[in-house]
C-alpha atoms as a PDB file:
ATOM      1  CA  ALA A   1     -17.788 -94.919-178.083  1.00  0.00           C
ATOM      2  CA  ALA A   2     -14.610 -92.904-178.821  1.00  0.00           C
ATOM      3  CA  LEU A   3     -13.042 -96.125-179.846  1.00  0.00           C
ATOM      4  CA  ALA A   4     -15.159 -97.180-182.195  1.00  0.00           C
ATOM      5  CA  LEU A   5     -15.372 -93.838-183.870  1.00  0.00           C
ATOM      6  CA  LEU A   6     -11.795 -93.594-183.584  1.00  0.00           C
ATOM      7  CA  PRO A   7     -11.086 -94.875-187.555  1.00  0.00           C
ATOM      8  CA  LEU A   8     -13.164 -91.616-188.660  1.00  0.00           C
ATOM      9  CA  LEU A   9     -10.106 -89.742-188.338  1.00  0.00           C
ATOM     10  CA  PRO A  10      -7.929 -91.704-190.748  1.00  0.00           C
ATOM     11  CA  GLY A  11     -10.445 -92.308-192.827  1.00  0.00           C
ATOM     12  CA  GLY A  12     -11.238 -88.504-193.100  1.00  0.00           C
ATOM     13  CA  ALA A  13      -7.668 -87.807-193.416  1.00  0.00           C
ATOM     14  CA  ALA A  14      -6.855 -90.047-196.110  1.00  0.00           C
ATOM     15  CA  LEU A  15     -10.381 -88.757-198.043  1.00  0.00           C
ATOM     16  CA  ALA A  16      -9.479 -85.042-197.871  1.00  0.00           C
ATOM     17  CA  ALA A  17      -5.683 -85.981-199.061  1.00  0.00           C
ATOM     18  CA  ALA A  18      -7.559 -87.462-201.957  1.00  0.00           C
ATOM     19  CA  LEU A  19     -10.067 -85.297-202.749  1.00  0.00           C
ATOM     20  CA  PRO A  20      -8.058 -82.591-204.758  1.00  0.00           C
ATOM     21  CA  GLN A  21      -6.970 -85.276-206.961  1.00  0.00           C
ATOM     22  CA  ALA A  22     -10.533 -86.656-208.222  1.00  0.00           C
ATOM     23  CA  GLY A  23     -13.460 -84.521-209.749  1.00  0.00           C
ATOM     24  CA  LEU A  24     -16.289 -84.599-207.115  1.00  0.00           C
ATOM     25  CA  ARG A  25     -20.032 -83.885-207.129  1.00  0.00           C
ATOM     26  CA  PRO A  26     -20.387 -81.950-204.141  1.00  0.00           C
ATOM     27  CA  ALA A  27     -23.842 -82.829-203.196  1.00  0.00           C
ATOM     28  CA  VAL A  28     -23.640 -86.323-203.348  1.00  0.00           C
ATOM     29  CA  PHE A  29     -19.979 -86.296-201.229  1.00  0.00           C
ATOM     30  CA  ALA A  30     -21.629 -84.075-198.804  1.00  0.00           C
ATOM     31  CA  ALA A  31     -24.265 -87.058-198.609  1.00  0.00           C
ATOM     32  CA  TYR A  32     -21.755 -89.925-198.439  1.00  0.00           C
ATOM     33  CA  ALA A  33     -19.923 -87.958-195.970  1.00  0.00           C
ATOM     34  CA  LEU A  34     -23.134 -87.411-193.616  1.00  0.00           C
ATOM     35  CA  ALA A  35     -24.294 -90.930-194.354  1.00  0.00           C
ATOM     36  CA  CYS A  36     -20.873 -92.596-193.135  1.00  0.00           C
ATOM     37  CA  ALA A  37     -20.816 -90.403-189.904  1.00  0.00           C
ATOM     38  CA  GLY A  38     -24.327 -90.696-189.273  1.00  0.00           C
ATOM     39  CA  ALA A  39     -24.097 -94.452-189.420  1.00  0.00           C
ATOM     40  CA  CYS A  40     -21.051 -94.670-187.389  1.00  0.00           C
ATOM     41  CA  VAL A  41     -22.592 -92.653-184.502  1.00  0.00           C
ATOM     42  CA  MET A  42     -25.988 -94.450-184.503  1.00  0.00           C
ATOM     43  CA  GLU A  43     -24.038 -97.631-184.073  1.00  0.00           C
ATOM     44  CA  VAL A  44     -22.303 -96.118-181.178  1.00  0.00           C
ATOM     45  CA  ARG A  45     -25.403 -94.829-179.522  1.00  0.00           C
ATOM     46  CA  SER A  46     -27.310 -98.005-180.082  1.00  0.00           C
ATOM     47  CA  THR A  47     -27.593 -99.978-176.907  1.00  0.00           C
ATOM     48  CA  PRO A  48     -28.833-103.740-177.240  1.00  0.00           C
ATOM     49  CA  ALA A  49     -32.225-103.713-175.373  1.00  0.00           C
ATOM     50  CA  GLY A  50     -33.809-107.090-175.565  1.00  0.00           C
ATOM     51  CA  PRO A  51     -33.736-110.314-178.180  1.00  0.00           C
ATOM     52  CA  GLY A  52     -34.922-108.791-181.106  1.00  0.00           C
ATOM     53  CA  GLU A  53     -32.228-106.422-180.989  1.00  0.00           C
ATOM     54  CA  PRO A  54     -29.573-108.398-182.817  1.00  0.00           C
ATOM     55  CA  GLY A  55     -31.853-108.469-185.977  1.00  0.00           C
ATOM     56  CA  GLU A  56     -32.928-104.962-186.081  1.00  0.00           C
ATOM     57  CA  LYS A  57     -29.070-103.906-185.679  1.00  0.00           C
ATOM     58  CA  ALA A  58     -27.912-106.617-188.570  1.00  0.00           C
ATOM     59  CA  GLY A  59     -30.351-104.904-190.698  1.00  0.00           C
ATOM     60  CA  ARG A  60     -29.790-101.102-189.834  1.00  0.00           C
ATOM     61  CA  TRP A  61     -26.126-102.313-190.583  1.00  0.00           C
ATOM     62  CA  LEU A  62     -26.760-103.694-193.902  1.00  0.00           C
ATOM     63  CA  PHE A  63     -29.084-100.634-194.992  1.00  0.00           C
ATOM     64  CA  THR A  64     -26.403 -98.302-194.028  1.00  0.00           C
ATOM     65  CA  LEU A  65     -23.455-100.414-195.807  1.00  0.00           C
ATOM     66  CA  ILE A  66     -25.492-100.654-198.863  1.00  0.00           C
ATOM     67  CA  LEU A  67     -26.421 -97.030-198.689  1.00  0.00           C
ATOM     68  CA  CYS A  68     -22.797 -95.805-198.535  1.00  0.00           C
ATOM     69  CA  ILE A  69     -21.340 -97.912-201.270  1.00  0.00           C
ATOM     70  CA  CYS A  70     -23.983 -96.767-203.332  1.00  0.00           C
ATOM     71  CA  LEU A  71     -23.306 -93.010-202.446  1.00  0.00           C
ATOM     72  CA  ALA A  72     -19.333 -93.303-202.949  1.00  0.00           C
ATOM     73  CA  THR A  73     -19.733 -95.329-206.392  1.00  0.00           C
ATOM     74  CA  GLU A  74     -21.607 -91.990-207.804  1.00  0.00           C
ATOM     75  CA  VAL A  75     -19.017 -89.179-205.278  1.00  0.00           C
ATOM     76  CA  CYS A  76     -16.725 -88.863-208.472  1.00  0.00           C
ATOM     77  CA  ALA A  77     -18.193 -87.329-211.879  1.00  0.00           C
END
């Protein structure tokens, strides 16, 4: 689980370094950060349970991908 969450650290550091140069919408940025972190934690904590699990996992991943992309495009004013 720690190995799967490890990419959040350099990503967060790069994002923090880029924040002062960009005009941000704070509420949208908070929603984006929460959605990205929540999606990563949810994927790590989910366990394969049976034959229907791959389809559910793919649907969940696709939803979180679209959500994070939509929020990311709206972060900068």
